[in-house]
């Protein structure tokens, strides 16, 4: 008999330890294995602490994001805006040698986790591609090799469902815990949102649980001490806009 596994889904942590700790506390006891969808660092003030925490929890699969690549020197960040580039350069200067090498060794994705789940950062055909709408989702679903493809990068919670030739998208209600049932024969593309820097107008940290026994994706939002994360960003000398945006979830 197949063992039932509950996956904790973390994406776009962005060096926000306060948000990560709140998510881990909220999810305590509800997961068996961890999946990390990239961008552990960038923007936030605690890159080493976040990488250390993730490494200690031994995710069974973790992939890199564009900010991870820029911070560890795999990418020059030339495609970033000015603020993002400043944050990447600052982060690169803060990383310990061990954490820099950890980020350098993260694979690009997609990774096929099991018969149900695969993960990517941007999309399954391009790790840096953003998926915003149904057209983007249709292209991604053509490339995905598992019934459920989990992605990040946009920081926006969204669910796309494909059945036959039809692709439908929906945005979860942030005020209600969302449980998406995975229908047999359908394919899904899901972003559970960002742990460390939400951008849907809700400042609460976002994460997901995939239960392969009940074939559900559960999406949750969690309050965390935003003011603490803001103070750390300002104390580090990072741009104030990075602190301000946390309060409005943009």
C-alpha atoms as a PDB file:
ATOM      1  CA  UNK A   1       0.000   0.000   0.000  1.00  0.00           C
ATOM      2  CA  UNK A   2       1.318   3.441  -0.972  1.00  0.00           C
ATOM      3  CA  UNK A   3       2.322   5.712   1.909  1.00  0.00           C
ATOM      4  CA  UNK A   4       0.324   8.946   2.108  1.00  0.00           C
ATOM      5  CA  UNK A   5       2.559  12.022   1.951  1.00  0.00           C
ATOM      6  CA  UNK A   6       1.756  15.614   2.872  1.00  0.00           C
ATOM      7  CA  UNK A   7       4.079  18.107   1.223  1.00  0.00           C
ATOM      8  CA  UNK A   8       4.728  21.546   2.706  1.00  0.00           C
ATOM      9  CA  UNK A   9       5.048  23.984  -0.208  1.00  0.00           C
ATOM     10  CA  UNK A  10       7.232  27.052   0.315  1.00  0.00           C
ATOM     11  CA  UNK A  11       7.967  29.568  -2.420  1.00  0.00           C
ATOM     12  CA  UNK A  12       9.599  32.989  -2.634  1.00  0.00           C
ATOM     13  CA  UNK A  13      10.835  33.218   0.945  1.00  0.00           C
ATOM     14  CA  UNK A  14      13.022  36.221   0.099  1.00  0.00           C
ATOM     15  CA  UNK A  15      15.152  36.247   3.248  1.00  0.00           C
ATOM     16  CA  UNK A  16      12.150  37.018   5.463  1.00  0.00           C
ATOM     17  CA  UNK A  17      12.780  34.916   8.559  1.00  0.00           C
ATOM     18  CA  UNK A  18       9.841  36.361  10.484  1.00  0.00           C
ATOM     19  CA  UNK A  19       7.428  35.188   7.785  1.00  0.00           C
ATOM     20  CA  UNK A  20       9.114  31.797   7.440  1.00  0.00           C
ATOM     21  CA  UNK A  21       8.990  31.114  11.169  1.00  0.00           C
ATOM     22  CA  UNK A  22       5.295  32.041  11.271  1.00  0.00           C
ATOM     23  CA  UNK A  23       4.561  29.643   8.415  1.00  0.00           C
ATOM     24  CA  UNK A  24       6.514  26.806  10.038  1.00  0.00           C
ATOM     25  CA  UNK A  25       4.685  27.335  13.317  1.00  0.00           C
ATOM     26  CA  UNK A  26       1.300  27.396  11.597  1.00  0.00           C
ATOM     27  CA  UNK A  27       2.072  24.250   9.577  1.00  0.00           C
ATOM     28  CA  UNK A  28       3.562  22.302  12.491  1.00  0.00           C
ATOM     29  CA  UNK A  29       2.406  18.688  12.453  1.00  0.00           C
ATOM     30  CA  UNK A  30       0.587  19.081   9.132  1.00  0.00           C
ATOM     31  CA  UNK A  31       3.345  17.956   6.764  1.00  0.00           C
ATOM     32  CA  UNK A  32       5.779  15.106   6.197  1.00  0.00           C
ATOM     33  CA  UNK A  33       8.124  16.419   3.506  1.00  0.00           C
ATOM     34  CA  UNK A  34       9.101  19.862   2.277  1.00  0.00           C
ATOM     35  CA  UNK A  35       9.277  21.272  -1.253  1.00  0.00           C
ATOM     36  CA  UNK A  36      10.934  24.671  -1.888  1.00  0.00           C
ATOM     37  CA  UNK A  37      10.155  26.458  -5.148  1.00  0.00           C
ATOM     38  CA  UNK A  38      12.983  28.981  -5.228  1.00  0.00           C
ATOM     39  CA  UNK A  39      13.986  32.504  -4.213  1.00  0.00           C
ATOM     40  CA  UNK A  40      15.110  31.719  -0.709  1.00  0.00           C
ATOM     41  CA  UNK A  41      16.952  35.048  -0.685  1.00  0.00           C
ATOM     42  CA  UNK A  42      16.723  38.549  -2.110  1.00  0.00           C
ATOM     43  CA  UNK A  43      14.899  41.653  -0.810  1.00  0.00           C
ATOM     44  CA  UNK A  44      14.884  40.629   2.867  1.00  0.00           C
ATOM     45  CA  UNK A  45      17.493  41.191   5.566  1.00  0.00           C
ATOM     46  CA  UNK A  46      18.140  37.655   6.836  1.00  0.00           C
ATOM     47  CA  UNK A  47      19.440  35.546   3.939  1.00  0.00           C
ATOM     48  CA  UNK A  48      21.743  33.324   5.975  1.00  0.00           C
ATOM     49  CA  UNK A  49      19.155  32.687   8.659  1.00  0.00           C
ATOM     50  CA  UNK A  50      16.536  31.676   6.077  1.00  0.00           C
ATOM     51  CA  UNK A  51      18.916  29.411   4.147  1.00  0.00           C
ATOM     52  CA  UNK A  52      20.104  27.861   7.410  1.00  0.00           C
ATOM     53  CA  UNK A  53      16.514  27.169   8.455  1.00  0.00           C
ATOM     54  CA  UNK A  54      15.633  25.566   5.131  1.00  0.00           C
ATOM     55  CA  UNK A  55      18.779  23.465   5.057  1.00  0.00           C
ATOM     56  CA  UNK A  56      18.113  22.203   8.585  1.00  0.00           C
ATOM     57  CA  UNK A  57      14.637  21.027   7.560  1.00  0.00           C
ATOM     58  CA  UNK A  58      16.098  18.941   4.705  1.00  0.00           C
ATOM     59  CA  UNK A  59      13.586  19.492   1.903  1.00  0.00           C
ATOM     60  CA  UNK A  60      13.300  16.498  -0.404  1.00  0.00           C
ATOM     61  CA  UNK A  61      13.339  18.890  -3.362  1.00  0.00           C
ATOM     62  CA  UNK A  62      14.434  22.516  -3.593  1.00  0.00           C
ATOM     63  CA  UNK A  63      15.065  24.542  -6.729  1.00  0.00           C
ATOM     64  CA  UNK A  64      16.658  27.894  -7.390  1.00  0.00           C
ATOM     65  CA  UNK A  65      14.964  31.179  -8.216  1.00  0.00           C
ATOM     66  CA  UNK A  66      16.274  34.165 -10.132  1.00  0.00           C
ATOM     67  CA  UNK A  67      17.234  36.002  -6.930  1.00  0.00           C
ATOM     68  CA  UNK A  68      19.128  32.966  -5.681  1.00  0.00           C
ATOM     69  CA  UNK A  69      21.104  32.927  -8.930  1.00  0.00           C
ATOM     70  CA  UNK A  70      21.920  36.624  -8.696  1.00  0.00           C
ATOM     71  CA  UNK A  71      22.925  36.488  -5.031  1.00  0.00           C
ATOM     72  CA  UNK A  72      25.297  33.550  -5.416  1.00  0.00           C
ATOM     73  CA  UNK A  73      26.933  34.818  -8.603  1.00  0.00           C
ATOM     74  CA  UNK A  74      25.357  32.525 -11.185  1.00  0.00           C
ATOM     75  CA  UNK A  75      23.649  35.541 -12.769  1.00  0.00           C
ATOM     76  CA  UNK A  76      24.686  39.190 -12.919  1.00  0.00           C
ATOM     77  CA  UNK A  77      21.216  40.532 -12.127  1.00  0.00           C
ATOM     78  CA  UNK A  78      21.261  42.741 -15.218  1.00  0.00           C
ATOM     79  CA  UNK A  79      17.561  42.021 -15.816  1.00  0.00           C
ATOM     80  CA  UNK A  80      16.624  43.311 -12.346  1.00  0.00           C
ATOM     81  CA  UNK A  81      15.357  46.764 -11.559  1.00  0.00           C
ATOM     82  CA  UNK A  82      17.620  49.054  -9.549  1.00  0.00           C
ATOM     83  CA  UNK A  83      16.230  48.125  -6.138  1.00  0.00           C
ATOM     84  CA  UNK A  84      16.294  44.396  -6.804  1.00  0.00           C
ATOM     85  CA  UNK A  85      19.885  44.636  -8.051  1.00  0.00           C
ATOM     86  CA  UNK A  86      20.966  46.520  -4.934  1.00  0.00           C
ATOM     87  CA  UNK A  87      19.340  43.863  -2.771  1.00  0.00           C
ATOM     88  CA  UNK A  88      21.004  41.052  -4.732  1.00  0.00           C
ATOM     89  CA  UNK A  89      24.425  42.680  -4.383  1.00  0.00           C
ATOM     90  CA  UNK A  90      23.906  43.229  -0.656  1.00  0.00           C
ATOM     91  CA  UNK A  91      22.743  39.637  -0.224  1.00  0.00           C
ATOM     92  CA  UNK A  92      25.759  38.308  -2.092  1.00  0.00           C
ATOM     93  CA  UNK A  93      28.006  40.152   0.315  1.00  0.00           C
ATOM     94  CA  UNK A  94      26.211  38.702   3.336  1.00  0.00           C
ATOM     95  CA  UNK A  95      26.064  35.030   2.396  1.00  0.00           C
ATOM     96  CA  UNK A  96      28.396  32.629   4.142  1.00  0.00           C
ATOM     97  CA  UNK A  97      30.568  30.507   1.892  1.00  0.00           C
ATOM     98  CA  UNK A  98      28.496  27.441   2.734  1.00  0.00           C
ATOM     99  CA  UNK A  99      25.180  29.093   1.972  1.00  0.00           C
ATOM    100  CA  UNK A 100      26.482  30.615  -1.246  1.00  0.00           C
ATOM    101  CA  UNK A 101      27.574  27.175  -2.387  1.00  0.00           C
ATOM    102  CA  UNK A 102      24.212  25.695  -1.339  1.00  0.00           C
ATOM    103  CA  UNK A 103      22.414  28.211  -3.563  1.00  0.00           C
ATOM    104  CA  UNK A 104      24.845  27.559  -6.406  1.00  0.00           C
ATOM    105  CA  UNK A 105      24.080  23.851  -6.242  1.00  0.00           C
ATOM    106  CA  UNK A 106      20.288  24.213  -6.328  1.00  0.00           C
ATOM    107  CA  UNK A 107      18.912  22.744  -9.577  1.00  0.00           C
ATOM    108  CA  UNK A 108      16.970  24.834 -12.043  1.00  0.00           C
ATOM    109  CA  UNK A 109      13.760  22.822 -12.165  1.00  0.00           C
ATOM    110  CA  UNK A 110      11.407  21.482 -13.169  1.00  0.00           C
ATOM    111  CA  UNK A 111      11.763  18.521 -10.809  1.00  0.00           C
ATOM    112  CA  UNK A 112       9.373  15.593 -10.937  1.00  0.00           C
ATOM    113  CA  UNK A 113       8.776  14.830  -7.257  1.00  0.00           C
ATOM    114  CA  UNK A 114       6.512  11.794  -7.683  1.00  0.00           C
ATOM    115  CA  UNK A 115       3.741  10.546  -9.966  1.00  0.00           C
ATOM    116  CA  UNK A 116       1.461  13.423  -8.902  1.00  0.00           C
ATOM    117  CA  UNK A 117       3.681  16.467  -8.352  1.00  0.00           C
ATOM    118  CA  UNK A 118       6.354  18.428 -10.156  1.00  0.00           C
ATOM    119  CA  UNK A 119       7.804  21.783  -9.156  1.00  0.00           C
ATOM    120  CA  UNK A 120       9.320  24.741 -10.982  1.00  0.00           C
ATOM    121  CA  UNK A 121      10.115  28.354 -10.168  1.00  0.00           C
ATOM    122  CA  UNK A 122       8.816  30.316 -13.133  1.00  0.00           C
ATOM    123  CA  UNK A 123       7.370  27.723 -15.482  1.00  0.00           C
ATOM    124  CA  UNK A 124       8.165  24.136 -16.490  1.00  0.00           C
ATOM    125  CA  UNK A 125       9.637  25.321 -19.793  1.00  0.00           C
ATOM    126  CA  UNK A 126      11.652  28.299 -18.521  1.00  0.00           C
ATOM    127  CA  UNK A 127      12.699  28.861 -14.913  1.00  0.00           C
ATOM    128  CA  UNK A 128      12.526  32.654 -15.332  1.00  0.00           C
ATOM    129  CA  UNK A 129       9.215  32.854 -17.236  1.00  0.00           C
ATOM    130  CA  UNK A 130       6.294  34.468 -15.407  1.00  0.00           C
ATOM    131  CA  UNK A 131       2.845  32.839 -15.483  1.00  0.00           C
ATOM    132  CA  UNK A 132       0.173  35.505 -15.107  1.00  0.00           C
ATOM    133  CA  UNK A 133      -2.788  34.502 -17.249  1.00  0.00           C
ATOM    134  CA  UNK A 134      -4.535  31.682 -19.035  1.00  0.00           C
ATOM    135  CA  UNK A 135      -2.347  31.950 -22.121  1.00  0.00           C
ATOM    136  CA  UNK A 136       0.814  31.596 -20.041  1.00  0.00           C
ATOM    137  CA  UNK A 137      -0.788  28.735 -18.126  1.00  0.00           C
ATOM    138  CA  UNK A 138      -1.784  26.896 -21.296  1.00  0.00           C
ATOM    139  CA  UNK A 139       1.809  26.983 -22.539  1.00  0.00           C
ATOM    140  CA  UNK A 140       3.053  25.713 -19.181  1.00  0.00           C
ATOM    141  CA  UNK A 141       0.485  22.919 -18.983  1.00  0.00           C
ATOM    142  CA  UNK A 142       1.586  21.653 -22.383  1.00  0.00           C
ATOM    143  CA  UNK A 143       5.088  21.222 -20.959  1.00  0.00           C
ATOM    144  CA  UNK A 144       4.195  19.884 -17.515  1.00  0.00           C
ATOM    145  CA  UNK A 145       4.623  16.144 -17.077  1.00  0.00           C
ATOM    146  CA  UNK A 146       2.623  15.565 -13.889  1.00  0.00           C
ATOM    147  CA  UNK A 147      -1.051  16.143 -13.008  1.00  0.00           C
ATOM    148  CA  UNK A 148      -0.032  18.904 -10.567  1.00  0.00           C
ATOM    149  CA  UNK A 149       2.676  21.440 -11.388  1.00  0.00           C
ATOM    150  CA  UNK A 150       3.525  23.862  -8.577  1.00  0.00           C
ATOM    151  CA  UNK A 151       5.183  27.164  -9.497  1.00  0.00           C
ATOM    152  CA  UNK A 152       6.225  30.446  -7.903  1.00  0.00           C
ATOM    153  CA  UNK A 153       7.996  33.589  -9.139  1.00  0.00           C
ATOM    154  CA  UNK A 154       4.945  35.883  -9.431  1.00  0.00           C
ATOM    155  CA  UNK A 155       4.163  35.889  -5.673  1.00  0.00           C
ATOM    156  CA  UNK A 156       0.466  35.693  -6.620  1.00  0.00           C
ATOM    157  CA  UNK A 157      -1.733  32.791  -5.437  1.00  0.00           C
ATOM    158  CA  UNK A 158      -3.605  31.308  -8.382  1.00  0.00           C
ATOM    159  CA  UNK A 159      -5.002  27.986  -9.598  1.00  0.00           C
ATOM    160  CA  UNK A 160      -5.334  26.846 -13.208  1.00  0.00           C
ATOM    161  CA  UNK A 161      -7.241  23.694 -14.196  1.00  0.00           C
ATOM    162  CA  UNK A 162      -7.058  22.048 -17.600  1.00  0.00           C
ATOM    163  CA  UNK A 163      -9.537  19.433 -18.759  1.00  0.00           C
ATOM    164  CA  UNK A 164      -9.680  18.384 -22.401  1.00  0.00           C
ATOM    165  CA  UNK A 165      -9.065  21.618 -24.325  1.00  0.00           C
ATOM    166  CA  UNK A 166     -10.335  24.006 -21.649  1.00  0.00           C
ATOM    167  CA  UNK A 167      -8.129  25.934 -19.206  1.00  0.00           C
ATOM    168  CA  UNK A 168      -9.818  27.735 -16.321  1.00  0.00           C
ATOM    169  CA  UNK A 169      -8.145  29.977 -13.781  1.00  0.00           C
ATOM    170  CA  UNK A 170      -9.227  31.186 -10.360  1.00  0.00           C
ATOM    171  CA  UNK A 171      -7.813  33.205  -7.492  1.00  0.00           C
ATOM    172  CA  UNK A 172      -8.314  31.852  -3.970  1.00  0.00           C
ATOM    173  CA  UNK A 173     -10.242  33.944  -1.472  1.00  0.00           C
ATOM    174  CA  UNK A 174      -7.547  35.167   0.966  1.00  0.00           C
ATOM    175  CA  UNK A 175     -10.054  35.226   3.823  1.00  0.00           C
ATOM    176  CA  UNK A 176     -10.904  31.528   3.523  1.00  0.00           C
ATOM    177  CA  UNK A 177      -8.585  28.539   3.652  1.00  0.00           C
ATOM    178  CA  UNK A 178      -8.715  27.074   0.152  1.00  0.00           C
ATOM    179  CA  UNK A 179      -8.825  23.333  -0.504  1.00  0.00           C
ATOM    180  CA  UNK A 180      -8.485  22.434  -4.177  1.00  0.00           C
ATOM    181  CA  UNK A 181      -9.570  18.876  -4.992  1.00  0.00           C
ATOM    182  CA  UNK A 182      -7.573  17.345  -7.828  1.00  0.00           C
ATOM    183  CA  UNK A 183      -9.953  15.607 -10.208  1.00  0.00           C
ATOM    184  CA  UNK A 184      -8.907  12.489 -12.060  1.00  0.00           C
ATOM    185  CA  UNK A 185      -8.111  13.291 -15.689  1.00  0.00           C
ATOM    186  CA  UNK A 186      -7.567  17.018 -15.071  1.00  0.00           C
ATOM    187  CA  UNK A 187      -4.224  18.796 -14.922  1.00  0.00           C
ATOM    188  CA  UNK A 188      -3.387  21.640 -12.574  1.00  0.00           C
ATOM    189  CA  UNK A 189      -0.967  24.527 -12.345  1.00  0.00           C
ATOM    190  CA  UNK A 190      -0.914  26.107  -8.883  1.00  0.00           C
ATOM    191  CA  UNK A 191       0.943  28.960  -7.208  1.00  0.00           C
ATOM    192  CA  UNK A 192       0.399  28.899  -3.438  1.00  0.00           C
ATOM    193  CA  UNK A 193       1.816  32.434  -3.080  1.00  0.00           C
ATOM    194  CA  UNK A 194       4.890  33.892  -1.439  1.00  0.00           C
ATOM    195  CA  UNK A 195       6.122  33.262   2.090  1.00  0.00           C
ATOM    196  CA  UNK A 196       8.281  36.339   2.363  1.00  0.00           C
ATOM    197  CA  UNK A 197       6.894  38.978   0.016  1.00  0.00           C
ATOM    198  CA  UNK A 198       3.205  38.598  -0.982  1.00  0.00           C
ATOM    199  CA  UNK A 199       2.068  40.818  -3.847  1.00  0.00           C
ATOM    200  CA  UNK A 200      -1.677  40.278  -3.979  1.00  0.00           C
ATOM    201  CA  UNK A 201      -2.521  43.089  -1.583  1.00  0.00           C
ATOM    202  CA  UNK A 202      -2.560  40.795   1.446  1.00  0.00           C
ATOM    203  CA  UNK A 203       0.565  41.179   3.622  1.00  0.00           C
ATOM    204  CA  UNK A 204       0.141  37.801   5.317  1.00  0.00           C
ATOM    205  CA  UNK A 205       2.615  35.036   4.479  1.00  0.00           C
ATOM    206  CA  UNK A 206       1.303  32.381   2.085  1.00  0.00           C
ATOM    207  CA  UNK A 207       2.042  28.681   1.838  1.00  0.00           C
ATOM    208  CA  UNK A 208       0.465  25.405   0.772  1.00  0.00           C
ATOM    209  CA  UNK A 209       0.054  21.758   1.717  1.00  0.00           C
ATOM    210  CA  UNK A 210      -0.339  19.045  -0.903  1.00  0.00           C
ATOM    211  CA  UNK A 211      -1.974  15.894   0.481  1.00  0.00           C
ATOM    212  CA  UNK A 212      -1.548  13.076  -2.004  1.00  0.00           C
ATOM    213  CA  UNK A 213      -3.888  10.851   0.014  1.00  0.00           C
ATOM    214  CA  UNK A 214      -6.924  13.118  -0.296  1.00  0.00           C
ATOM    215  CA  UNK A 215      -5.550  14.605  -3.563  1.00  0.00           C
ATOM    216  CA  UNK A 216      -5.953  18.129  -2.241  1.00  0.00           C
ATOM    217  CA  UNK A 217      -3.948  21.334  -2.382  1.00  0.00           C
ATOM    218  CA  UNK A 218      -4.594  23.437   0.713  1.00  0.00           C
ATOM    219  CA  UNK A 219      -3.597  27.112   0.641  1.00  0.00           C
ATOM    220  CA  UNK A 220      -3.217  29.190   3.797  1.00  0.00           C
ATOM    221  CA  UNK A 221      -2.366  32.738   4.875  1.00  0.00           C
ATOM    222  CA  UNK A 222      -0.596  33.498   8.144  1.00  0.00           C
ATOM    223  CA  UNK A 223      -0.061  36.695  10.101  1.00  0.00           C
ATOM    224  CA  UNK A 224       3.554  37.448  10.967  1.00  0.00           C
ATOM    225  CA  UNK A 225       5.332  40.408  12.624  1.00  0.00           C
ATOM    226  CA  UNK A 226       5.748  42.577   9.540  1.00  0.00           C
ATOM    227  CA  UNK A 227       7.176  45.433  11.613  1.00  0.00           C
ATOM    228  CA  UNK A 228      10.055  43.216  12.742  1.00  0.00           C
ATOM    229  CA  UNK A 229      10.962  42.322   9.160  1.00  0.00           C
ATOM    230  CA  UNK A 230      10.723  45.995   8.199  1.00  0.00           C
ATOM    231  CA  UNK A 231      13.056  47.103  10.999  1.00  0.00           C
ATOM    232  CA  UNK A 232      15.655  44.556   9.943  1.00  0.00           C
ATOM    233  CA  UNK A 233      15.544  45.725   6.325  1.00  0.00           C
ATOM    234  CA  UNK A 234      16.037  49.347   7.348  1.00  0.00           C
ATOM    235  CA  UNK A 235      18.784  48.489   9.833  1.00  0.00           C
ATOM    236  CA  UNK A 236      20.633  46.611   7.091  1.00  0.00           C
ATOM    237  CA  UNK A 237      20.669  49.716   4.911  1.00  0.00           C
ATOM    238  CA  UNK A 238      18.505  48.149   2.225  1.00  0.00           C
ATOM    239  CA  UNK A 239      16.110  50.410   0.272  1.00  0.00           C
ATOM    240  CA  UNK A 240      13.173  51.585   2.361  1.00  0.00           C
ATOM    241  CA  UNK A 241      10.766  50.575  -0.403  1.00  0.00           C
ATOM    242  CA  UNK A 242      11.527  46.931   0.393  1.00  0.00           C
ATOM    243  CA  UNK A 243      10.319  47.479   3.941  1.00  0.00           C
ATOM    244  CA  UNK A 244       7.312  49.589   2.982  1.00  0.00           C
ATOM    245  CA  UNK A 245       5.912  47.087   0.489  1.00  0.00           C
ATOM    246  CA  UNK A 246       5.682  44.346   3.100  1.00  0.00           C
ATOM    247  CA  UNK A 247       2.967  46.234   4.962  1.00  0.00           C
ATOM    248  CA  UNK A 248       0.685  46.433   1.914  1.00  0.00           C
ATOM    249  CA  UNK A 249       1.476  43.097   0.312  1.00  0.00           C
ATOM    250  CA  UNK A 250       2.664  44.645  -2.918  1.00  0.00           C
END
